[in-house]
Amino acid sequence: MEFHKILIAIDKNSGAETVALNGLQLARQFSSEIALVSIIDTSIAEDAEGASPRELDGIIDTHLTFTQQMLIETVFKEYPVKTFVEKGNPYEVILKLAEQWGADVIVMGTHGRTGFSHLILGSVAEDVIRHSKRPLVVIPILQK
């Protein structure tokens, strides 16, 4: 199997670099195109207090764009990368973008939460695994 296009889903946490490095390693093996996607989770934005949805979107968009730019300057400094910052339900956006962009594989992280925190927070990775028609590389992100 060859991977011509690799979609790397990142979020704003410290595990983004680990996920990006693993995606880059895979891309180098196959001389693949890379796209980074970050998602503004609209369900979180709707529940936030103290900021209007527009203000919150702006804050999150700025942070995600900064995260992507930092990765491009460090991890991908010599590798061309396409970037997307999208709004919506994260797993749905990842699957939709993978389809639209024609990704051959999706690379993403998982925090491996269990118990009550998993029940409350859910798992984007788990939802992508359940619904994806594409191969996945899921990178465990260790909690610090």
N, C-alpha and C. Protein backbone atom coordinates (compact mmCIF):
# COMPACT_ATOMS: atom_id res chain seq x y z
N MET A 1 0.84 -1.18 0.00
CA MET A 1 0.00 0.00 0.00
C MET A 1 0.89 1.24 0.00
N GLU A 2 0.50 2.22 -0.81
CA GLU A 2 1.23 3.47 -0.85
C GLU A 2 0.34 4.60 -0.37
N PHE A 3 0.95 5.56 0.27
CA PHE A 3 0.23 6.71 0.79
C PHE A 3 0.73 7.95 0.06
N HIS A 4 -0.05 8.44 -0.89
CA HIS A 4 0.34 9.64 -1.64
C HIS A 4 -0.04 10.91 -0.89
N LYS A 5 -1.14 10.84 -0.13
CA LYS A 5 -1.61 11.99 0.64
C LYS A 5 -1.89 11.57 2.07
N ILE A 6 -1.24 12.28 3.01
CA ILE A 6 -1.39 11.98 4.43
C ILE A 6 -2.03 13.18 5.12
N LEU A 7 -3.17 12.94 5.75
CA LEU A 7 -3.86 13.97 6.52
C LEU A 7 -3.46 13.79 7.98
N ILE A 8 -2.87 14.82 8.57
CA ILE A 8 -2.45 14.78 9.97
C ILE A 8 -3.37 15.69 10.76
N ALA A 9 -4.14 15.10 11.66
CA ALA A 9 -5.07 15.86 12.50
C ALA A 9 -4.36 16.21 13.80
N ILE A 10 -4.29 17.51 14.10
CA ILE A 10 -3.64 17.95 15.33
C ILE A 10 -4.60 18.81 16.13
N ASP A 11 -4.32 18.90 17.41
CA ASP A 11 -5.06 19.83 18.25
C ASP A 11 -4.05 20.73 18.93
N LYS A 12 -4.51 21.54 19.87
CA LYS A 12 -3.63 22.55 20.43
C LYS A 12 -2.81 22.07 21.62
N ASN A 13 -2.79 20.79 21.89
CA ASN A 13 -2.05 20.32 23.05
C ASN A 13 -0.60 19.99 22.71
N SER A 14 0.15 19.63 23.72
CA SER A 14 1.57 19.35 23.54
C SER A 14 1.82 18.09 22.72
N GLY A 15 0.83 17.24 22.53
CA GLY A 15 1.00 16.03 21.73
C GLY A 15 1.02 16.29 20.24
N ALA A 16 0.69 17.50 19.82
CA ALA A 16 0.64 17.81 18.39
C ALA A 16 1.99 17.56 17.72
N GLU A 17 3.06 17.89 18.40
CA GLU A 17 4.38 17.69 17.81
C GLU A 17 4.68 16.21 17.61
N THR A 18 4.32 15.38 18.56
CA THR A 18 4.52 13.93 18.44
C THR A 18 3.75 13.37 17.25
N VAL A 19 2.50 13.79 17.12
CA VAL A 19 1.68 13.34 16.00
C VAL A 19 2.29 13.82 14.69
N ALA A 20 2.70 15.08 14.63
CA ALA A 20 3.29 15.65 13.42
C ALA A 20 4.58 14.92 13.03
N LEU A 21 5.43 14.63 14.00
CA LEU A 21 6.68 13.92 13.72
C LEU A 21 6.42 12.53 13.14
N ASN A 22 5.44 11.83 13.69
CA ASN A 22 5.09 10.51 13.17
C ASN A 22 4.52 10.60 11.75
N GLY A 23 3.67 11.60 11.51
CA GLY A 23 3.14 11.80 10.17
C GLY A 23 4.23 12.14 9.17
N LEU A 24 5.18 12.97 9.59
CA LEU A 24 6.31 13.34 8.71
C LEU A 24 7.15 12.11 8.38
N GLN A 25 7.42 11.28 9.37
CA GLN A 25 8.20 10.07 9.14
C GLN A 25 7.52 9.18 8.09
N LEU A 26 6.23 9.02 8.19
CA LEU A 26 5.48 8.23 7.23
C LEU A 26 5.52 8.89 5.84
N ALA A 27 5.37 10.20 5.80
CA ALA A 27 5.40 10.93 4.53
C ALA A 27 6.75 10.80 3.83
N ARG A 28 7.81 10.84 4.60
CA ARG A 28 9.15 10.70 4.00
C ARG A 28 9.33 9.31 3.40
N GLN A 29 8.79 8.29 4.05
CA GLN A 29 8.92 6.93 3.53
C GLN A 29 8.25 6.77 2.17
N PHE A 30 7.15 7.49 1.95
CA PHE A 30 6.37 7.34 0.73
C PHE A 30 6.43 8.57 -0.19
N SER A 31 7.24 9.56 0.17
CA SER A 31 7.29 10.84 -0.58
C SER A 31 5.88 11.39 -0.78
N SER A 32 5.14 11.44 0.32
CA SER A 32 3.73 11.82 0.29
C SER A 32 3.52 13.32 0.46
N GLU A 33 2.37 13.77 0.00
CA GLU A 33 1.90 15.11 0.33
C GLU A 33 1.36 15.06 1.75
N ILE A 34 1.48 16.19 2.46
CA ILE A 34 0.97 16.28 3.83
C ILE A 34 0.01 17.45 3.93
N ALA A 35 -1.08 17.21 4.67
CA ALA A 35 -1.96 18.31 5.06
C ALA A 35 -2.17 18.21 6.57
N LEU A 36 -2.06 19.35 7.25
CA LEU A 36 -2.37 19.44 8.67
C LEU A 36 -3.78 19.99 8.81
N VAL A 37 -4.57 19.38 9.68
CA VAL A 37 -5.90 19.91 9.95
C VAL A 37 -6.05 20.11 11.45
N SER A 38 -6.57 21.27 11.81
CA SER A 38 -6.96 21.59 13.19
C SER A 38 -8.43 21.96 13.14
N ILE A 39 -9.16 21.58 14.17
CA ILE A 39 -10.60 21.80 14.15
C ILE A 39 -11.04 22.64 15.34
N ILE A 40 -11.85 23.66 15.04
CA ILE A 40 -12.52 24.42 16.09
C ILE A 40 -13.77 23.64 16.43
N ASP A 41 -13.79 23.03 17.60
CA ASP A 41 -14.92 22.21 18.03
C ASP A 41 -16.08 23.12 18.38
N THR A 42 -17.08 23.17 17.53
CA THR A 42 -18.20 24.08 17.73
C THR A 42 -19.03 23.72 18.95
N SER A 43 -19.02 22.46 19.38
CA SER A 43 -19.78 22.11 20.58
C SER A 43 -19.14 22.73 21.82
N ILE A 44 -17.83 22.85 21.84
CA ILE A 44 -17.15 23.50 22.96
C ILE A 44 -17.41 25.00 22.90
N ALA A 45 -17.33 25.57 21.71
CA ALA A 45 -17.56 27.00 21.56
C ALA A 45 -18.96 27.39 22.03
N GLU A 46 -19.94 26.54 21.78
CA GLU A 46 -21.31 26.82 22.20
C GLU A 46 -21.48 26.80 23.71
N ASP A 47 -20.65 25.99 24.39
CA ASP A 47 -20.76 25.85 25.84
C ASP A 47 -19.92 26.85 26.63
N ALA A 48 -19.04 27.58 25.95
CA ALA A 48 -18.13 28.49 26.65
C ALA A 48 -18.86 29.70 27.20
N GLU A 49 -18.39 30.14 28.36
CA GLU A 49 -18.97 31.34 28.98
C GLU A 49 -17.97 32.48 28.92
N GLY A 50 -18.50 33.72 28.90
CA GLY A 50 -17.63 34.89 28.98
C GLY A 50 -17.19 35.45 27.65
N ALA A 51 -17.36 34.72 26.58
CA ALA A 51 -16.97 35.23 25.26
C ALA A 51 -18.08 34.90 24.28
N SER A 52 -18.26 35.79 23.34
CA SER A 52 -19.25 35.51 22.30
C SER A 52 -18.71 34.39 21.42
N PRO A 53 -19.57 33.67 20.72
CA PRO A 53 -19.09 32.62 19.82
C PRO A 53 -18.07 33.13 18.81
N ARG A 54 -18.30 34.34 18.30
CA ARG A 54 -17.36 34.92 17.32
C ARG A 54 -15.99 35.18 17.96
N GLU A 55 -16.00 35.74 19.19
CA GLU A 55 -14.73 36.00 19.90
C GLU A 55 -14.00 34.70 20.19
N LEU A 56 -14.75 33.71 20.65
CA LEU A 56 -14.14 32.42 20.98
C LEU A 56 -13.56 31.76 19.73
N ASP A 57 -14.31 31.79 18.63
CA ASP A 57 -13.79 31.24 17.37
C ASP A 57 -12.49 31.92 16.98
N GLY A 58 -12.44 33.25 17.13
CA GLY A 58 -11.24 33.99 16.79
C GLY A 58 -10.06 33.58 17.65
N ILE A 59 -10.29 33.43 18.95
CA ILE A 59 -9.23 33.01 19.87
C ILE A 59 -8.74 31.62 19.51
N ILE A 60 -9.67 30.69 19.31
CA ILE A 60 -9.29 29.31 18.99
C ILE A 60 -8.59 29.26 17.64
N ASP A 61 -9.13 29.96 16.64
CA ASP A 61 -8.53 29.98 15.31
C ASP A 61 -7.10 30.51 15.38
N THR A 62 -6.89 31.57 16.13
CA THR A 62 -5.55 32.13 16.28
C THR A 62 -4.61 31.13 16.93
N HIS A 63 -5.09 30.44 17.97
CA HIS A 63 -4.25 29.46 18.66
C HIS A 63 -3.92 28.28 17.75
N LEU A 64 -4.92 27.76 17.03
CA LEU A 64 -4.68 26.63 16.15
C LEU A 64 -3.76 27.01 15.00
N THR A 65 -3.95 28.20 14.45
CA THR A 65 -3.07 28.67 13.39
C THR A 65 -1.64 28.80 13.90
N PHE A 66 -1.49 29.32 15.13
CA PHE A 66 -0.17 29.42 15.75
C PHE A 66 0.46 28.03 15.91
N THR A 67 -0.34 27.07 16.38
CA THR A 67 0.16 25.70 16.56
C THR A 67 0.65 25.14 15.22
N GLN A 68 -0.15 25.32 14.18
CA GLN A 68 0.25 24.84 12.86
C GLN A 68 1.52 25.54 12.40
N GLN A 69 1.60 26.85 12.57
CA GLN A 69 2.77 27.60 12.13
C GLN A 69 4.02 27.15 12.88
N MET A 70 3.89 26.91 14.18
CA MET A 70 5.02 26.43 14.97
C MET A 70 5.50 25.08 14.44
N LEU A 71 4.56 24.18 14.11
CA LEU A 71 4.94 22.87 13.58
C LEU A 71 5.60 23.01 12.21
N ILE A 72 5.10 23.90 11.39
CA ILE A 72 5.69 24.11 10.07
C ILE A 72 7.12 24.63 10.20
N GLU A 73 7.35 25.51 11.16
CA GLU A 73 8.69 26.09 11.35
C GLU A 73 9.66 25.14 12.02
N THR A 74 9.16 24.15 12.76
CA THR A 74 10.05 23.23 13.46
C THR A 74 10.06 21.84 12.81
N VAL A 75 8.96 21.16 12.86
CA VAL A 75 8.88 19.78 12.37
C VAL A 75 8.97 19.72 10.85
N PHE A 76 8.22 20.58 10.16
CA PHE A 76 8.11 20.51 8.70
C PHE A 76 8.93 21.57 7.98
N LYS A 77 9.98 22.07 8.60
CA LYS A 77 10.69 23.21 8.04
C LYS A 77 11.23 22.97 6.62
N GLU A 78 11.46 21.73 6.26
CA GLU A 78 11.97 21.44 4.91
C GLU A 78 11.02 20.53 4.14
N TYR A 79 9.76 20.50 4.53
CA TYR A 79 8.78 19.63 3.87
C TYR A 79 7.51 20.45 3.61
N PRO A 80 7.05 20.48 2.37
CA PRO A 80 5.85 21.28 2.08
C PRO A 80 4.60 20.71 2.74
N VAL A 81 3.79 21.61 3.30
CA VAL A 81 2.60 21.21 4.05
C VAL A 81 1.44 22.12 3.69
N LYS A 82 0.30 21.51 3.45
CA LYS A 82 -0.95 22.25 3.25
C LYS A 82 -1.63 22.31 4.62
N THR A 83 -2.30 23.42 4.93
CA THR A 83 -2.95 23.53 6.24
C THR A 83 -4.44 23.84 6.09
N PHE A 84 -5.20 23.31 7.04
CA PHE A 84 -6.63 23.58 7.14
C PHE A 84 -6.97 23.88 8.59
N VAL A 85 -7.76 24.90 8.83
CA VAL A 85 -8.38 25.14 10.14
C VAL A 85 -9.87 25.17 9.84
N GLU A 86 -10.60 24.20 10.39
CA GLU A 86 -12.02 24.02 10.08
C GLU A 86 -12.85 24.11 11.36
N LYS A 87 -14.15 24.33 11.20
CA LYS A 87 -15.09 24.35 12.32
C LYS A 87 -16.01 23.14 12.23
N GLY A 88 -16.43 22.63 13.40
CA GLY A 88 -17.41 21.56 13.41
C GLY A 88 -17.10 20.51 14.46
N ASN A 89 -17.77 19.39 14.32
CA ASN A 89 -17.51 18.24 15.17
C ASN A 89 -16.19 17.62 14.68
N PRO A 90 -15.17 17.52 15.54
CA PRO A 90 -13.85 17.12 15.08
C PRO A 90 -13.81 15.84 14.24
N TYR A 91 -14.45 14.77 14.70
CA TYR A 91 -14.33 13.53 13.94
C TYR A 91 -15.02 13.66 12.58
N GLU A 92 -16.14 14.37 12.53
CA GLU A 92 -16.84 14.54 11.25
C GLU A 92 -16.01 15.39 10.29
N VAL A 93 -15.38 16.44 10.81
CA VAL A 93 -14.54 17.30 9.97
C VAL A 93 -13.35 16.51 9.43
N ILE A 94 -12.71 15.73 10.28
CA ILE A 94 -11.55 14.93 9.84
C ILE A 94 -11.96 13.99 8.71
N LEU A 95 -13.07 13.28 8.88
CA LEU A 95 -13.51 12.33 7.86
C LEU A 95 -13.92 13.05 6.57
N LYS A 96 -14.62 14.16 6.69
CA LYS A 96 -15.07 14.92 5.52
C LYS A 96 -13.87 15.47 4.75
N LEU A 97 -12.92 16.05 5.48
CA LEU A 97 -11.75 16.62 4.83
C LEU A 97 -10.89 15.53 4.18
N ALA A 98 -10.76 14.39 4.85
CA ALA A 98 -10.01 13.27 4.27
C ALA A 98 -10.62 12.86 2.94
N GLU A 99 -11.94 12.84 2.88
CA GLU A 99 -12.65 12.50 1.64
C GLU A 99 -12.43 13.58 0.58
N GLN A 100 -12.65 14.84 0.94
CA GLN A 100 -12.54 15.94 -0.02
C GLN A 100 -11.12 16.09 -0.56
N TRP A 101 -10.13 15.97 0.31
CA TRP A 101 -8.73 16.16 -0.08
C TRP A 101 -8.17 14.91 -0.75
N GLY A 102 -8.82 13.77 -0.53
CA GLY A 102 -8.35 12.52 -1.12
C GLY A 102 -7.22 11.87 -0.35
N ALA A 103 -7.25 12.02 0.97
CA ALA A 103 -6.21 11.43 1.82
C ALA A 103 -6.20 9.91 1.69
N ASP A 104 -5.01 9.34 1.66
CA ASP A 104 -4.86 7.89 1.64
C ASP A 104 -4.79 7.31 3.04
N VAL A 105 -4.41 8.15 4.00
CA VAL A 105 -4.29 7.71 5.40
C VAL A 105 -4.48 8.94 6.30
N ILE A 106 -4.98 8.68 7.49
CA ILE A 106 -5.16 9.73 8.50
C ILE A 106 -4.24 9.41 9.66
N VAL A 107 -3.48 10.40 10.09
CA VAL A 107 -2.61 10.26 11.26
C VAL A 107 -3.17 11.18 12.33
N MET A 108 -3.37 10.64 13.53
CA MET A 108 -3.91 11.44 14.62
C MET A 108 -3.45 10.87 15.96
N GLY A 109 -3.62 11.66 17.00
CA GLY A 109 -3.24 11.22 18.34
C GLY A 109 -4.45 10.84 19.15
N THR A 110 -4.17 10.13 20.24
CA THR A 110 -5.21 9.84 21.21
C THR A 110 -4.60 9.98 22.60
N HIS A 111 -5.38 10.52 23.50
CA HIS A 111 -4.90 10.72 24.87
C HIS A 111 -5.10 9.48 25.72
N GLY A 112 -5.87 8.53 25.24
CA GLY A 112 -6.06 7.27 25.96
C GLY A 112 -6.77 7.43 27.28
N ARG A 113 -7.68 8.39 27.36
CA ARG A 113 -8.44 8.55 28.60
C ARG A 113 -9.33 7.33 28.81
N THR A 114 -9.56 7.02 30.06
CA THR A 114 -10.44 5.91 30.39
C THR A 114 -11.40 6.35 31.49
N GLY A 115 -12.33 5.51 31.79
CA GLY A 115 -13.23 5.76 32.90
C GLY A 115 -14.10 6.98 32.70
N PHE A 116 -14.29 7.73 33.77
CA PHE A 116 -15.21 8.86 33.77
C PHE A 116 -14.79 9.95 32.80
N SER A 117 -13.49 10.27 32.74
CA SER A 117 -13.06 11.34 31.83
C SER A 117 -13.32 10.96 30.37
N HIS A 118 -13.20 9.68 30.03
CA HIS A 118 -13.51 9.24 28.67
C HIS A 118 -15.01 9.36 28.41
N LEU A 119 -15.78 9.00 29.40
CA LEU A 119 -17.24 9.06 29.26
C LEU A 119 -17.70 10.50 29.05
N ILE A 120 -17.13 11.43 29.78
CA ILE A 120 -17.52 12.83 29.68
C ILE A 120 -16.96 13.48 28.40
N LEU A 121 -15.69 13.26 28.13
CA LEU A 121 -15.03 13.94 27.02
C LEU A 121 -15.19 13.22 25.69
N GLY A 122 -15.46 11.92 25.73
CA GLY A 122 -15.54 11.16 24.49
C GLY A 122 -14.16 11.00 23.89
N SER A 123 -14.11 10.50 22.70
CA SER A 123 -12.82 10.31 22.05
C SER A 123 -12.97 10.55 20.56
N VAL A 124 -12.32 11.59 20.09
CA VAL A 124 -12.34 11.89 18.66
C VAL A 124 -11.71 10.72 17.91
N ALA A 125 -10.58 10.23 18.41
CA ALA A 125 -9.90 9.11 17.74
C ALA A 125 -10.82 7.90 17.65
N GLU A 126 -11.54 7.61 18.71
CA GLU A 126 -12.43 6.46 18.71
C GLU A 126 -13.53 6.63 17.66
N ASP A 127 -14.09 7.82 17.55
CA ASP A 127 -15.12 8.08 16.54
C ASP A 127 -14.56 7.96 15.13
N VAL A 128 -13.35 8.47 14.91
CA VAL A 128 -12.74 8.36 13.59
C VAL A 128 -12.48 6.89 13.26
N ILE A 129 -11.98 6.14 14.22
CA ILE A 129 -11.72 4.71 14.01
C ILE A 129 -13.01 3.99 13.61
N ARG A 130 -14.09 4.29 14.30
CA ARG A 130 -15.36 3.62 14.03
C ARG A 130 -15.94 3.94 12.66
N HIS A 131 -15.71 5.17 12.16
CA HIS A 131 -16.40 5.61 10.96
C HIS A 131 -15.52 5.78 9.72
N SER A 132 -14.21 5.67 9.87
CA SER A 132 -13.32 5.92 8.74
C SER A 132 -13.31 4.76 7.74
N LYS A 133 -13.25 5.12 6.48
CA LYS A 133 -13.09 4.13 5.41
C LYS A 133 -11.63 4.10 4.97
N ARG A 134 -10.81 4.93 5.61
CA ARG A 134 -9.40 5.03 5.26
C ARG A 134 -8.55 4.41 6.37
N PRO A 135 -7.34 3.99 6.01
CA PRO A 135 -6.42 3.50 7.05
C PRO A 135 -6.09 4.63 8.02
N LEU A 136 -5.80 4.26 9.25
CA LEU A 136 -5.46 5.23 10.29
C LEU A 136 -4.15 4.84 10.96
N VAL A 137 -3.43 5.87 11.36
CA VAL A 137 -2.28 5.69 12.25
C VAL A 137 -2.64 6.52 13.48
N VAL A 138 -2.82 5.83 14.61
CA VAL A 138 -3.21 6.51 15.84
C VAL A 138 -2.02 6.48 16.79
N ILE A 139 -1.59 7.67 17.19
CA ILE A 139 -0.39 7.84 18.02
C ILE A 139 -0.82 8.08 19.46
N PRO A 140 -0.39 7.23 20.40
CA PRO A 140 -0.72 7.49 21.80
C PRO A 140 0.03 8.71 22.34
N ILE A 141 -0.72 9.61 22.98
CA ILE A 141 -0.13 10.81 23.58
C ILE A 141 -0.10 10.58 25.09
N LEU A 142 1.08 10.54 25.64
CA LEU A 142 1.22 10.30 27.08
C LEU A 142 0.84 11.54 27.86
N GLN A 143 0.06 11.36 28.90
CA GLN A 143 -0.33 12.46 29.76
C GLN A 143 0.86 12.82 30.65
N LYS A 144 1.11 14.13 30.79
CA LYS A 144 2.24 14.57 31.63
C LYS A 144 1.75 15.02 32.96
